[in-house]
N, C-alpha and C. Protein backbone atom coordinates (compact mmCIF):
# COMPACT_ATOMS: atom_id res chain seq x y z
N MET A 1 0.85 -1.19 0.00
CA MET A 1 0.00 0.00 0.00
C MET A 1 0.89 1.23 0.00
N SER A 2 0.62 2.16 -0.88
CA SER A 2 1.43 3.38 -0.95
C SER A 2 1.03 4.34 0.16
N ASN A 3 1.90 5.32 0.40
CA ASN A 3 1.66 6.27 1.50
C ASN A 3 0.37 7.04 1.36
N ASP A 4 -0.03 7.35 0.11
CA ASP A 4 -1.24 8.16 -0.05
C ASP A 4 -2.50 7.38 0.27
N ARG A 5 -2.42 6.07 0.40
CA ARG A 5 -3.60 5.27 0.72
C ARG A 5 -3.61 4.80 2.17
N GLN A 6 -2.59 5.12 2.94
CA GLN A 6 -2.58 4.70 4.33
C GLN A 6 -3.72 5.37 5.07
N ASN A 7 -4.32 4.61 5.98
CA ASN A 7 -5.42 5.13 6.81
C ASN A 7 -6.65 5.53 6.01
N THR A 8 -6.82 4.95 4.83
CA THR A 8 -8.02 5.20 4.04
C THR A 8 -8.66 3.85 3.67
N ILE A 9 -9.95 3.93 3.38
CA ILE A 9 -10.68 2.74 2.95
C ILE A 9 -11.38 3.09 1.65
N GLU A 10 -11.25 2.22 0.68
CA GLU A 10 -11.87 2.48 -0.62
C GLU A 10 -13.39 2.36 -0.51
N ILE A 11 -14.08 3.23 -1.20
CA ILE A 11 -15.54 3.26 -1.18
C ILE A 11 -16.13 1.91 -1.61
N THR A 12 -15.52 1.27 -2.61
CA THR A 12 -16.07 -0.01 -3.06
C THR A 12 -16.02 -1.06 -1.94
N THR A 13 -15.02 -0.99 -1.09
CA THR A 13 -14.93 -1.90 0.06
C THR A 13 -16.07 -1.61 1.03
N LEU A 14 -16.34 -0.33 1.27
CA LEU A 14 -17.45 0.05 2.15
C LEU A 14 -18.79 -0.38 1.57
N CYS A 15 -18.93 -0.25 0.26
CA CYS A 15 -20.18 -0.66 -0.39
C CYS A 15 -20.44 -2.15 -0.17
N ARG A 16 -19.40 -2.95 -0.30
CA ARG A 16 -19.57 -4.39 -0.06
C ARG A 16 -19.88 -4.66 1.41
N HIS A 17 -19.15 -4.00 2.29
CA HIS A 17 -19.33 -4.24 3.72
C HIS A 17 -20.74 -3.86 4.19
N TYR A 18 -21.20 -2.69 3.79
CA TYR A 18 -22.51 -2.19 4.23
C TYR A 18 -23.64 -2.61 3.30
N GLN A 19 -23.30 -3.21 2.18
CA GLN A 19 -24.28 -3.65 1.18
C GLN A 19 -25.15 -2.49 0.70
N VAL A 20 -24.47 -1.43 0.28
CA VAL A 20 -25.14 -0.27 -0.30
C VAL A 20 -24.46 0.06 -1.63
N GLU A 21 -25.18 0.82 -2.44
CA GLU A 21 -24.65 1.24 -3.73
C GLU A 21 -23.65 2.38 -3.55
N ARG A 22 -22.75 2.50 -4.50
CA ARG A 22 -21.76 3.58 -4.49
C ARG A 22 -22.45 4.96 -4.47
N THR A 23 -23.60 5.04 -5.13
CA THR A 23 -24.32 6.32 -5.18
C THR A 23 -24.74 6.79 -3.79
N PHE A 24 -24.94 5.84 -2.86
CA PHE A 24 -25.28 6.22 -1.49
C PHE A 24 -24.16 7.05 -0.89
N PHE A 25 -22.92 6.58 -1.02
CA PHE A 25 -21.78 7.32 -0.49
C PHE A 25 -21.54 8.62 -1.25
N THR A 26 -21.79 8.58 -2.56
CA THR A 26 -21.67 9.81 -3.36
C THR A 26 -22.66 10.86 -2.86
N HIS A 27 -23.88 10.44 -2.57
CA HIS A 27 -24.90 11.35 -2.06
C HIS A 27 -24.51 11.90 -0.68
N LEU A 28 -23.99 11.02 0.18
CA LEU A 28 -23.53 11.47 1.50
C LEU A 28 -22.44 12.54 1.35
N HIS A 29 -21.55 12.33 0.39
CA HIS A 29 -20.49 13.31 0.14
C HIS A 29 -21.09 14.61 -0.40
N ASP A 30 -22.02 14.50 -1.34
CA ASP A 30 -22.62 15.68 -1.96
C ASP A 30 -23.32 16.58 -0.96
N ILE A 31 -23.94 16.00 0.07
CA ILE A 31 -24.64 16.82 1.05
C ILE A 31 -23.76 17.16 2.26
N GLY A 32 -22.49 16.72 2.20
CA GLY A 32 -21.53 17.12 3.23
C GLY A 32 -21.46 16.23 4.46
N LEU A 33 -22.03 15.03 4.40
CA LEU A 33 -21.99 14.15 5.57
C LEU A 33 -20.66 13.39 5.69
N ILE A 34 -20.01 13.14 4.57
CA ILE A 34 -18.70 12.50 4.61
C ILE A 34 -17.77 13.22 3.64
N GLU A 35 -16.49 13.10 3.91
CA GLU A 35 -15.48 13.61 2.99
C GLU A 35 -14.86 12.43 2.27
N THR A 36 -14.68 12.59 0.99
CA THR A 36 -14.02 11.54 0.21
C THR A 36 -12.71 12.07 -0.34
N ILE A 37 -11.83 11.15 -0.62
CA ILE A 37 -10.51 11.46 -1.17
C ILE A 37 -10.39 10.68 -2.47
N THR A 38 -9.98 11.35 -3.54
CA THR A 38 -9.76 10.67 -4.81
C THR A 38 -8.27 10.37 -4.96
N ILE A 39 -7.97 9.09 -5.13
CA ILE A 39 -6.60 8.66 -5.34
C ILE A 39 -6.60 7.74 -6.55
N HIS A 40 -5.91 8.17 -7.59
CA HIS A 40 -5.80 7.36 -8.82
C HIS A 40 -7.17 6.89 -9.30
N ASP A 41 -8.10 7.82 -9.44
CA ASP A 41 -9.44 7.57 -9.98
C ASP A 41 -10.32 6.68 -9.09
N SER A 42 -9.93 6.44 -7.86
CA SER A 42 -10.76 5.69 -6.92
C SER A 42 -11.09 6.58 -5.73
N LEU A 43 -12.30 6.39 -5.19
CA LEU A 43 -12.73 7.17 -4.04
C LEU A 43 -12.43 6.44 -2.74
N TYR A 44 -11.96 7.19 -1.76
CA TYR A 44 -11.62 6.66 -0.45
C TYR A 44 -12.20 7.57 0.63
N VAL A 45 -12.33 7.01 1.83
CA VAL A 45 -12.63 7.81 3.01
C VAL A 45 -11.55 7.53 4.04
N ASP A 46 -11.29 8.51 4.87
CA ASP A 46 -10.33 8.34 5.95
C ASP A 46 -10.92 7.37 6.96
N GLU A 47 -10.14 6.43 7.41
CA GLU A 47 -10.66 5.43 8.34
C GLU A 47 -11.09 6.04 9.67
N ALA A 48 -10.64 7.24 9.98
CA ALA A 48 -11.07 7.93 11.20
C ALA A 48 -12.56 8.27 11.15
N ASN A 49 -13.15 8.24 9.96
CA ASN A 49 -14.56 8.57 9.80
C ASN A 49 -15.49 7.34 9.85
N ILE A 50 -14.95 6.17 10.13
CA ILE A 50 -15.76 4.96 10.12
C ILE A 50 -16.85 4.99 11.19
N ARG A 51 -16.57 5.51 12.37
CA ARG A 51 -17.61 5.61 13.40
C ARG A 51 -18.78 6.45 12.92
N GLN A 52 -18.48 7.56 12.25
CA GLN A 52 -19.52 8.42 11.71
C GLN A 52 -20.31 7.69 10.63
N ILE A 53 -19.61 6.96 9.77
CA ILE A 53 -20.28 6.21 8.71
C ILE A 53 -21.16 5.13 9.32
N ASP A 54 -20.67 4.44 10.35
CA ASP A 54 -21.50 3.44 11.05
C ASP A 54 -22.78 4.07 11.59
N LYS A 55 -22.65 5.24 12.18
CA LYS A 55 -23.81 5.94 12.75
C LYS A 55 -24.80 6.29 11.63
N ILE A 56 -24.28 6.77 10.52
CA ILE A 56 -25.12 7.13 9.37
C ILE A 56 -25.86 5.90 8.85
N ILE A 57 -25.14 4.80 8.70
CA ILE A 57 -25.75 3.57 8.19
C ILE A 57 -26.85 3.08 9.13
N ARG A 58 -26.60 3.14 10.44
CA ARG A 58 -27.62 2.70 11.40
C ARG A 58 -28.87 3.57 11.31
N LEU A 59 -28.71 4.88 11.24
CA LEU A 59 -29.88 5.77 11.11
C LEU A 59 -30.63 5.48 9.81
N TYR A 60 -29.89 5.24 8.75
CA TYR A 60 -30.48 4.99 7.44
C TYR A 60 -31.26 3.67 7.43
N ARG A 61 -30.64 2.63 7.97
CA ARG A 61 -31.26 1.30 7.92
C ARG A 61 -32.28 1.06 9.02
N GLU A 62 -31.88 1.29 10.26
CA GLU A 62 -32.72 0.91 11.39
C GLU A 62 -33.90 1.85 11.59
N LEU A 63 -33.70 3.13 11.28
CA LEU A 63 -34.78 4.10 11.47
C LEU A 63 -35.37 4.59 10.16
N ASP A 64 -34.84 4.09 9.03
CA ASP A 64 -35.34 4.45 7.70
C ASP A 64 -35.35 5.96 7.47
N ILE A 65 -34.24 6.59 7.85
CA ILE A 65 -34.10 8.05 7.69
C ILE A 65 -33.26 8.32 6.45
N ASN A 66 -33.73 9.24 5.63
CA ASN A 66 -32.99 9.56 4.41
C ASN A 66 -31.75 10.41 4.75
N PRO A 67 -30.78 10.50 3.82
CA PRO A 67 -29.54 11.23 4.11
C PRO A 67 -29.76 12.69 4.56
N GLU A 68 -30.75 13.36 4.00
CA GLU A 68 -31.00 14.75 4.42
C GLU A 68 -31.48 14.79 5.87
N GLY A 69 -32.32 13.84 6.26
CA GLY A 69 -32.77 13.75 7.64
C GLY A 69 -31.63 13.40 8.58
N ILE A 70 -30.74 12.53 8.11
CA ILE A 70 -29.56 12.17 8.90
C ILE A 70 -28.70 13.40 9.14
N ASP A 71 -28.56 14.23 8.13
CA ASP A 71 -27.78 15.47 8.26
C ASP A 71 -28.36 16.34 9.37
N VAL A 72 -29.67 16.50 9.40
CA VAL A 72 -30.33 17.30 10.43
C VAL A 72 -30.08 16.68 11.81
N ILE A 73 -30.27 15.37 11.92
CA ILE A 73 -30.08 14.68 13.21
C ILE A 73 -28.66 14.84 13.71
N LEU A 74 -27.67 14.63 12.84
CA LEU A 74 -26.28 14.73 13.26
C LEU A 74 -25.93 16.15 13.68
N ASN A 75 -26.48 17.15 12.98
CA ASN A 75 -26.25 18.54 13.39
C ASN A 75 -26.85 18.83 14.75
N LEU A 76 -28.06 18.33 14.99
CA LEU A 76 -28.69 18.52 16.30
C LEU A 76 -27.91 17.82 17.41
N LEU A 77 -27.45 16.60 17.16
CA LEU A 77 -26.66 15.88 18.15
C LEU A 77 -25.36 16.61 18.46
N GLU A 78 -24.76 17.20 17.45
CA GLU A 78 -23.53 17.97 17.64
C GLU A 78 -23.81 19.21 18.51
N LYS A 79 -24.93 19.86 18.27
CA LYS A 79 -25.29 21.03 19.07
C LYS A 79 -25.59 20.64 20.52
N ILE A 80 -26.26 19.50 20.71
CA ILE A 80 -26.53 19.02 22.06
C ILE A 80 -25.23 18.73 22.79
N ASP A 81 -24.29 18.07 22.11
CA ASP A 81 -23.00 17.76 22.71
C ASP A 81 -22.27 19.04 23.11
N ASP A 82 -22.30 20.02 22.23
CA ASP A 82 -21.66 21.32 22.53
C ASP A 82 -22.31 21.97 23.75
N LEU A 83 -23.63 21.96 23.80
CA LEU A 83 -24.32 22.55 24.95
C LEU A 83 -24.01 21.81 26.24
N GLU A 84 -23.93 20.48 26.18
CA GLU A 84 -23.59 19.70 27.37
C GLU A 84 -22.18 20.04 27.86
N GLN A 85 -21.25 20.20 26.94
CA GLN A 85 -19.89 20.57 27.33
C GLN A 85 -19.85 21.96 27.95
N ARG A 86 -20.60 22.89 27.37
CA ARG A 86 -20.63 24.25 27.92
C ARG A 86 -21.30 24.26 29.29
N LEU A 87 -22.35 23.45 29.47
CA LEU A 87 -23.02 23.36 30.76
C LEU A 87 -22.08 22.80 31.82
N MET A 88 -21.33 21.76 31.47
CA MET A 88 -20.37 21.17 32.40
C MET A 88 -19.29 22.17 32.77
N ALA A 89 -18.80 22.93 31.80
CA ALA A 89 -17.78 23.94 32.08
C ALA A 89 -18.34 25.02 33.01
N THR A 90 -19.59 25.40 32.80
CA THR A 90 -20.23 26.41 33.67
C THR A 90 -20.40 25.86 35.08
N LYS A 91 -20.83 24.61 35.20
CA LYS A 91 -20.98 23.98 36.52
C LYS A 91 -19.64 23.93 37.24
N ASN A 92 -18.58 23.60 36.50
CA ASN A 92 -17.25 23.54 37.10
C ASN A 92 -16.80 24.92 37.59
N ARG A 93 -17.08 25.96 36.81
CA ARG A 93 -16.72 27.32 37.25
C ARG A 93 -17.52 27.73 38.47
N LEU A 94 -18.80 27.38 38.49
CA LEU A 94 -19.64 27.70 39.65
C LEU A 94 -19.18 26.96 40.89
N GLY A 95 -18.69 25.74 40.69
CA GLY A 95 -18.19 24.94 41.83
C GLY A 95 -17.03 25.61 42.53
N LEU A 96 -16.28 26.43 41.82
CA LEU A 96 -15.18 27.15 42.45
C LEU A 96 -15.68 28.17 43.48
N TYR A 97 -16.89 28.67 43.28
CA TYR A 97 -17.43 29.72 44.15
C TYR A 97 -18.33 29.18 45.24
N GLU A 98 -18.73 27.92 45.11
CA GLU A 98 -19.63 27.34 46.11
C GLU A 98 -18.80 26.60 47.16
N HIS A 99 -19.10 26.86 48.40
CA HIS A 99 -18.43 26.15 49.49
C HIS A 99 -19.49 25.51 50.36
N ASP A 100 -19.37 24.23 50.57
CA ASP A 100 -20.36 23.52 51.39
C ASP A 100 -20.07 23.71 52.85
């Protein structure tokens, strides 16, 4: 494997693994849910994105949500996570001023 392909997985491999058409991943890329890398006329994704792809596939299959709906859900989950982190940071700052 050459250096430019390290830590990447070819889209055709993902298609076989998840049993979906290549157009599914193309659509995910087109709406910004995944980033693809073109190497020698083949499409790849960074293996660091596999957890995100797994999450997308589960939403698509188990809940029958289309890619646009998945985009909305993932954005909302990201905002919730951000708010939870900010809330925890605020609680920690308040804890400095509270004495039992």
